[in-house]
C-alpha atoms as a PDB file:
ATOM      1  CA  MET A   1      36.489  37.317 -66.222  1.00  0.00           C
ATOM      2  CA  ALA A   2      37.363  39.466 -69.148  1.00  0.00           C
ATOM      3  CA  GLU A   3      40.393  41.555 -68.761  1.00  0.00           C
ATOM      4  CA  GLU A   4      39.914  45.214 -69.239  1.00  0.00           C
ATOM      5  CA  THR A   5      42.664  46.805 -71.136  1.00  0.00           C
ATOM      6  CA  ILE A   6      43.731  50.081 -69.694  1.00  0.00           C
ATOM      7  CA  GLN A   7      45.356  52.318 -72.194  1.00  0.00           C
ATOM      8  CA  LYS A   8      47.704  55.066 -71.240  1.00  0.00           C
ATOM      9  CA  ALA A   9      47.294  58.484 -72.833  1.00  0.00           C
ATOM     10  CA  VAL A  10      49.351  61.654 -72.772  1.00  0.00           C
ATOM     11  CA  CYS A  11      47.730  64.988 -71.851  1.00  0.00           C
ATOM     12  CA  THR A  12      47.926  67.376 -74.802  1.00  0.00           C
ATOM     13  CA  ARG A  13      48.203  70.345 -72.443  1.00  0.00           C
ATOM     14  CA  CYS A  14      50.757  69.374 -69.783  1.00  0.00           C
ATOM     15  CA  GLY A  15      52.226  66.154 -71.184  1.00  0.00           C
ATOM     16  CA  SER A  16      51.530  63.947 -68.167  1.00  0.00           C
ATOM     17  CA  GLN A  17      50.318  60.362 -68.587  1.00  0.00           C
ATOM     18  CA  PHE A  18      46.885  59.209 -67.464  1.00  0.00           C
ATOM     19  CA  ASN A  19      44.521  56.309 -67.980  1.00  0.00           C
ATOM     20  CA  LYS A  20      42.403  56.720 -71.108  1.00  0.00           C
ATOM     21  CA  GLY A  21      38.709  55.973 -70.658  1.00  0.00           C
ATOM     22  CA  GLU A  22      36.479  54.377 -73.252  1.00  0.00           C
ATOM     23  CA  GLU A  23      34.537  57.613 -73.901  1.00  0.00           C
ATOM     24  CA  ASN A  24      37.544  59.325 -75.432  1.00  0.00           C
ATOM     25  CA  SER A  25      38.330  58.682 -79.053  1.00  0.00           C
ATOM     26  CA  ASP A  26      41.637  59.096 -80.806  1.00  0.00           C
ATOM     27  CA  GLU A  27      40.536  62.268 -82.665  1.00  0.00           C
ATOM     28  CA  GLU A  28      39.779  64.221 -79.488  1.00  0.00           C
ATOM     29  CA  LYS A  29      42.292  66.269 -77.603  1.00  0.00           C
ATOM     30  CA  LEU A  30      43.085  64.437 -74.438  1.00  0.00           C
ATOM     31  CA  PHE A  31      43.455  66.226 -71.126  1.00  0.00           C
ATOM     32  CA  CYS A  32      44.280  64.910 -67.683  1.00  0.00           C
ATOM     33  CA  SER A  33      41.784  65.572 -64.886  1.00  0.00           C
ATOM     34  CA  ARG A  34      43.915  68.389 -63.440  1.00  0.00           C
ATOM     35  CA  CYS A  35      44.047  70.226 -66.800  1.00  0.00           C
ATOM     36  CA  VAL A  36      40.307  69.744 -67.293  1.00  0.00           C
ATOM     37  CA  ILE A  37      39.684  71.484 -63.932  1.00  0.00           C
ATOM     38  CA  GLU A  38      42.122  74.315 -64.768  1.00  0.00           C
ATOM     39  CA  LEU A  39      40.489  74.857 -68.173  1.00  0.00           C
ATOM     40  CA  ALA A  40      37.046  74.942 -66.572  1.00  0.00           C
ATOM     41  CA  GLU A  41      38.218  77.510 -63.993  1.00  0.00           C
ATOM     42  CA  GLN A  42      39.792  79.620 -66.738  1.00  0.00           C
ATOM     43  CA  TYR A  43      36.592  79.468 -68.781  1.00  0.00           C
ATOM     44  CA  MET A  44      34.551  80.510 -65.746  1.00  0.00           C
ATOM     45  CA  SER A  45      36.843  83.475 -65.008  1.00  0.00           C
ATOM     46  CA  GLU A  46      36.462  84.653 -68.651  1.00  0.00           C
ATOM     47  CA  GLU A  47      32.679  84.433 -68.293  1.00  0.00           C
ATOM     48  CA  ALA A  48      32.931  86.671 -65.219  1.00  0.00           C
ATOM     49  CA  LYS A  49      34.368  89.431 -67.427  1.00  0.00           C
ATOM     50  CA  THR A  50      31.300  89.568 -69.660  1.00  0.00           C
ATOM     51  CA  PRO A  51      28.794  92.484 -69.535  1.00  0.00           C
ATOM     52  CA  GLU A  52      26.544  90.519 -67.178  1.00  0.00           C
ATOM     53  CA  SER A  53      29.196  90.796 -64.461  1.00  0.00           C
ATOM     54  CA  TYR A  54      29.476  94.537 -65.072  1.00  0.00           C
ATOM     55  CA  GLN A  55      25.722  94.836 -64.576  1.00  0.00           C
ATOM     56  CA  ILE A  56      26.198  94.045 -60.888  1.00  0.00           C
ATOM     57  CA  LYS A  57      28.732  96.869 -60.464  1.00  0.00           C
ATOM     58  CA  LYS A  58      26.561  99.255 -62.499  1.00  0.00           C
ATOM     59  CA  ASN A  59      23.594  98.564 -60.241  1.00  0.00           C
ATOM     60  CA  ARG A  60      25.715  99.598 -57.264  1.00  0.00           C
ATOM     61  CA  VAL A  61      26.758 102.933 -58.829  1.00  0.00           C
ATOM     62  CA  TRP A  62      23.330 104.081 -60.109  1.00  0.00           C
ATOM     63  CA  PRO A  63      21.614 104.431 -56.693  1.00  0.00           C
ATOM     64  CA  SER A  64      24.521 106.504 -55.406  1.00  0.00           C
ATOM     65  CA  LEU A  65      23.953 108.966 -58.291  1.00  0.00           C
ATOM     66  CA  HIS A  66      20.324 109.641 -57.336  1.00  0.00           C
ATOM     67  CA  PRO A  67      21.134 112.295 -54.682  1.00  0.00           C
ATOM     68  CA  VAL A  68      23.486 114.069 -57.088  1.00  0.00           C
ATOM     69  CA  ILE A  69      20.785 114.186 -59.778  1.00  0.00           C
ATOM     70  CA  ILE A  70      18.188 115.454 -57.295  1.00  0.00           C
ATOM     71  CA  ILE A  71      20.515 118.216 -56.081  1.00  0.00           C
ATOM     72  CA  ALA A  72      21.236 119.252 -59.685  1.00  0.00           C
ATOM     73  CA  CYS A  73      17.487 119.432 -60.433  1.00  0.00           C
ATOM     74  CA  ILE A  74      16.828 121.548 -57.332  1.00  0.00           C
ATOM     75  CA  PHE A  75      19.669 123.864 -58.369  1.00  0.00           C
ATOM     76  CA  LEU A  76      18.191 124.294 -61.864  1.00  0.00           C
ATOM     77  CA  ILE A  77      14.740 125.027 -60.437  1.00  0.00           C
ATOM     78  CA  ALA A  78      16.233 127.600 -58.065  1.00  0.00           C
ATOM     79  CA  ILE A  79      17.981 129.337 -60.960  1.00  0.00           C
ATOM     80  CA  GLN A  80      14.783 129.367 -63.042  1.00  0.00           C
ATOM     81  CA  ALA A  81      12.518 130.489 -60.142  1.00  0.00           C
ATOM     82  CA  PRO A  82      12.482 134.204 -61.094  1.00  0.00           C
ATOM     83  CA  LYS A  83      11.417 133.341 -64.640  1.00  0.00           C
ATOM     84  CA  LEU A  84       8.729 130.982 -63.345  1.00  0.00           C
ATOM     85  CA  ILE A  85       7.367 133.664 -61.004  1.00  0.00           C
ATOM     86  CA  PHE A  86       7.330 136.195 -63.843  1.00  0.00           C
ATOM     87  CA  VAL A  87       5.322 133.833 -66.062  1.00  0.00           C
ATOM     88  CA  ILE A  88       2.819 132.937 -63.336  1.00  0.00           C
ATOM     89  CA  LYS A  89       2.381 136.467 -62.003  1.00  0.00           C
ATOM     90  CA  GLU A  90      -0.399 138.425 -63.715  1.00  0.00           C
ATOM     91  CA  GLN A  91       1.123 141.318 -65.599  1.00  0.00           C
ATOM     92  CA  LYS A  92      -0.206 144.863 -65.482  1.00  0.00           C
ATOM     93  CA  PRO A  93      -2.007 145.758 -68.681  1.00  0.00           C
ATOM     94  CA  ILE A  94      -0.424 148.123 -71.150  1.00  0.00           C
ATOM     95  CA  ARG A  95      -2.398 150.243 -73.500  1.00  0.00           C
ATOM     96  CA  ASN A  96      -2.009 151.267 -77.056  1.00  0.00           C
ATOM     97  CA  GLY A  97      -1.556 154.998 -77.512  1.00  0.00           C
ATOM     98  CA  THR A  98      -0.177 157.930 -75.542  1.00  0.00           C
ATOM     99  CA  TYR A  99      -3.365 159.703 -74.499  1.00  0.00           C
ATOM    100  CA  GLU A 100      -3.776 161.065 -71.016  1.00  0.00           C
ATOM    101  CA  THR A 101      -6.858 159.564 -69.421  1.00  0.00           C
ATOM    102  CA  ASP A 102      -8.562 159.985 -66.093  1.00  0.00           C
ATOM    103  CA  SER A 103      -9.162 157.235 -63.538  1.00  0.00           C
ATOM    104  CA  LYS A 104     -12.668 156.478 -64.897  1.00  0.00           C
ATOM    105  CA  ALA A 105     -11.332 155.970 -68.417  1.00  0.00           C
ATOM    106  CA  ASP A 106      -8.568 153.782 -66.958  1.00  0.00           C
ATOM    107  CA  ARG A 107     -11.221 151.606 -65.276  1.00  0.00           C
ATOM    108  CA  CYS A 108     -13.060 151.354 -68.605  1.00  0.00           C
ATOM    109  CA  ILE A 109      -9.803 150.295 -70.301  1.00  0.00           C
ATOM    110  CA  LYS A 110      -9.240 147.731 -67.537  1.00  0.00           C
ATOM    111  CA  ASN A 111     -12.724 146.312 -68.239  1.00  0.00           C
ATOM    112  CA  LEU A 112     -11.829 146.060 -71.934  1.00  0.00           C
ATOM    113  CA  TRP A 113      -8.688 144.098 -70.990  1.00  0.00           C
ATOM    114  CA  HIS A 114     -10.923 141.660 -69.131  1.00  0.00           C
ATOM    115  CA  ILE A 115     -13.274 141.453 -72.128  1.00  0.00           C
ATOM    116  CA  SER A 116     -10.269 140.911 -74.427  1.00  0.00           C
ATOM    117  CA  ARG A 117      -9.167 137.946 -72.330  1.00  0.00           C
ATOM    118  CA  MET A 118     -12.691 136.490 -72.494  1.00  0.00           C
ATOM    119  CA  LEU A 119     -12.700 136.906 -76.298  1.00  0.00           C
ATOM    120  CA  GLN A 120      -9.331 135.130 -76.590  1.00  0.00           C
ATOM    121  CA  GLU A 121     -10.576 132.259 -74.428  1.00  0.00           C
ATOM    122  CA  GLY A 122     -13.786 131.988 -76.487  1.00  0.00           C
ATOM    123  CA  LYS A 123     -16.059 132.763 -73.533  1.00  0.00           C
ATOM    124  CA  LEU A 124     -19.288 134.749 -73.657  1.00  0.00           C
ATOM    125  CA  LEU A 125     -19.284 138.293 -72.316  1.00  0.00           C
ATOM    126  CA  GLU A 126     -20.513 138.658 -68.778  1.00  0.00           C
ATOM    127  CA  LYS A 127     -23.614 140.861 -68.354  1.00  0.00           C
ATOM    128  CA  ASP A 128     -22.276 142.542 -65.193  1.00  0.00           C
ATOM    129  CA  ILE A 129     -19.307 144.147 -66.985  1.00  0.00           C
ATOM    130  CA  VAL A 130     -20.429 147.737 -67.636  1.00  0.00           C
ATOM    131  CA  CYS A 131     -18.803 151.090 -68.299  1.00  0.00           C
ATOM    132  CA  PRO A 132     -17.899 152.648 -64.921  1.00  0.00           C
ATOM    133  CA  VAL A 133     -19.228 156.096 -65.962  1.00  0.00           C
ATOM    134  CA  SER A 134     -22.445 155.398 -67.902  1.00  0.00           C
ATOM    135  CA  LYS A 135     -23.205 152.046 -66.177  1.00  0.00           C
ATOM    136  CA  LYS A 136     -24.283 150.687 -69.596  1.00  0.00           C
ATOM    137  CA  PRO A 137     -23.058 147.336 -70.994  1.00  0.00           C
ATOM    138  CA  TYR A 138     -20.331 147.367 -73.611  1.00  0.00           C
ATOM    139  CA  VAL A 139     -21.419 147.257 -77.275  1.00  0.00           C
ATOM    140  CA  LEU A 140     -20.588 144.034 -79.121  1.00  0.00           C
ATOM    141  CA  ARG A 141     -20.539 143.894 -82.948  1.00  0.00           C
ATOM    142  CA  LYS A 142     -19.450 141.202 -85.388  1.00  0.00           C
ATOM    143  CA  ILE A 143     -17.491 142.676 -88.289  1.00  0.00           C
ATOM    144  CA  GLU A 144     -16.033 140.506 -91.107  1.00  0.00           C
ATOM    145  CA  GLY A 145     -15.115 137.481 -88.968  1.00  0.00           C
ATOM    146  CA  ASP A 146     -13.990 139.609 -86.022  1.00  0.00           C
ATOM    147  CA  ILE A 147     -15.703 140.664 -82.815  1.00  0.00           C
ATOM    148  CA  LEU A 148     -15.535 144.366 -81.885  1.00  0.00           C
ATOM    149  CA  VAL A 149     -16.337 145.511 -78.333  1.00  0.00           C
ATOM    150  CA  THR A 150     -16.603 149.247 -77.639  1.00  0.00           C
ATOM    151  CA  CYS A 151     -17.444 151.512 -74.749  1.00  0.00           C
ATOM    152  CA  PRO A 152     -21.132 152.584 -74.971  1.00  0.00           C
ATOM    153  CA  ASN A 153     -20.354 156.259 -74.205  1.00  0.00           C
ATOM    154  CA  PRO A 154     -16.702 157.116 -74.923  1.00  0.00           C
ATOM    155  CA  GLU A 155     -17.550 160.834 -75.061  1.00  0.00           C
ATOM    156  CA  LEU A 156     -18.105 160.729 -71.283  1.00  0.00           C
ATOM    157  CA  HIS A 157     -14.379 159.867 -71.024  1.00  0.00           C
ATOM    158  CA  GLY A 158     -13.506 162.721 -73.407  1.00  0.00           C
ATOM    159  CA  LEU A 159     -12.657 160.287 -76.217  1.00  0.00           C
ATOM    160  CA  LYS A 160     -14.068 159.382 -79.617  1.00  0.00           C
ATOM    161  CA  GLU A 161     -13.836 155.599 -79.132  1.00  0.00           C
ATOM    162  CA  ILE A 162     -12.419 152.963 -76.756  1.00  0.00           C
ATOM    163  CA  ARG A 163     -12.407 149.501 -78.323  1.00  0.00           C
ATOM    164  CA  VAL A 164     -10.944 146.043 -78.403  1.00  0.00           C
ATOM    165  CA  THR A 165     -11.265 143.223 -80.969  1.00  0.00           C
ATOM    166  CA  LYS A 166     -10.574 139.540 -80.939  1.00  0.00           C
ATOM    167  CA  ILE A 167      -7.902 139.921 -83.628  1.00  0.00           C
ATOM    168  CA  TYR A 168      -6.278 142.951 -81.914  1.00  0.00           C
ATOM    169  CA  PRO A 169      -6.658 142.154 -78.207  1.00  0.00           C
ATOM    170  CA  CYS A 170      -4.930 145.326 -76.951  1.00  0.00           C
ATOM    171  CA  PRO A 171      -7.491 148.059 -76.099  1.00  0.00           C
ATOM    172  CA  GLU A 172      -7.325 151.076 -78.398  1.00  0.00           C
ATOM    173  CA  VAL A 173      -8.144 154.652 -77.442  1.00  0.00           C
ATOM    174  CA  ILE A 174      -9.164 157.008 -80.241  1.00  0.00           C
ATOM    175  CA  LYS A 175      -9.307 160.728 -79.440  1.00  0.00           C
END
């Protein structure tokens, strides 16, 4: 039988002697089995400090923040509720001018507000919208790229003209 020669080597880390195997060459750093295990454990503990390990902790914190975020959103909605109600609530119409008008003229002006909204939305005028005094439909005229709608008998309201246009959607009263 051939005799195997066992060579002794010295660990470059701790200095202890161990049997050198054939796979190790002279150029390599030589470590004993105990130092190899310690180096592997140290390498593994350094890997545990990488961002991947923090991902596990981050995933634990994020779900606990959900209730806080929901409460903050509800608080913001509660603060903004009056503004939301104001925007949604239909506002009372204002009118242009300071003329005193009677209730029938006010109803005619209210109809013109409705017509103004229809003009702004690009809808056709409804046939059932008529002046409350004369019961006649409102007069529609196209003038230089604008649409003018007037009361058919403004003199019955004691006025010269009640009108609204697509460009100027606020009803005007002319005495």
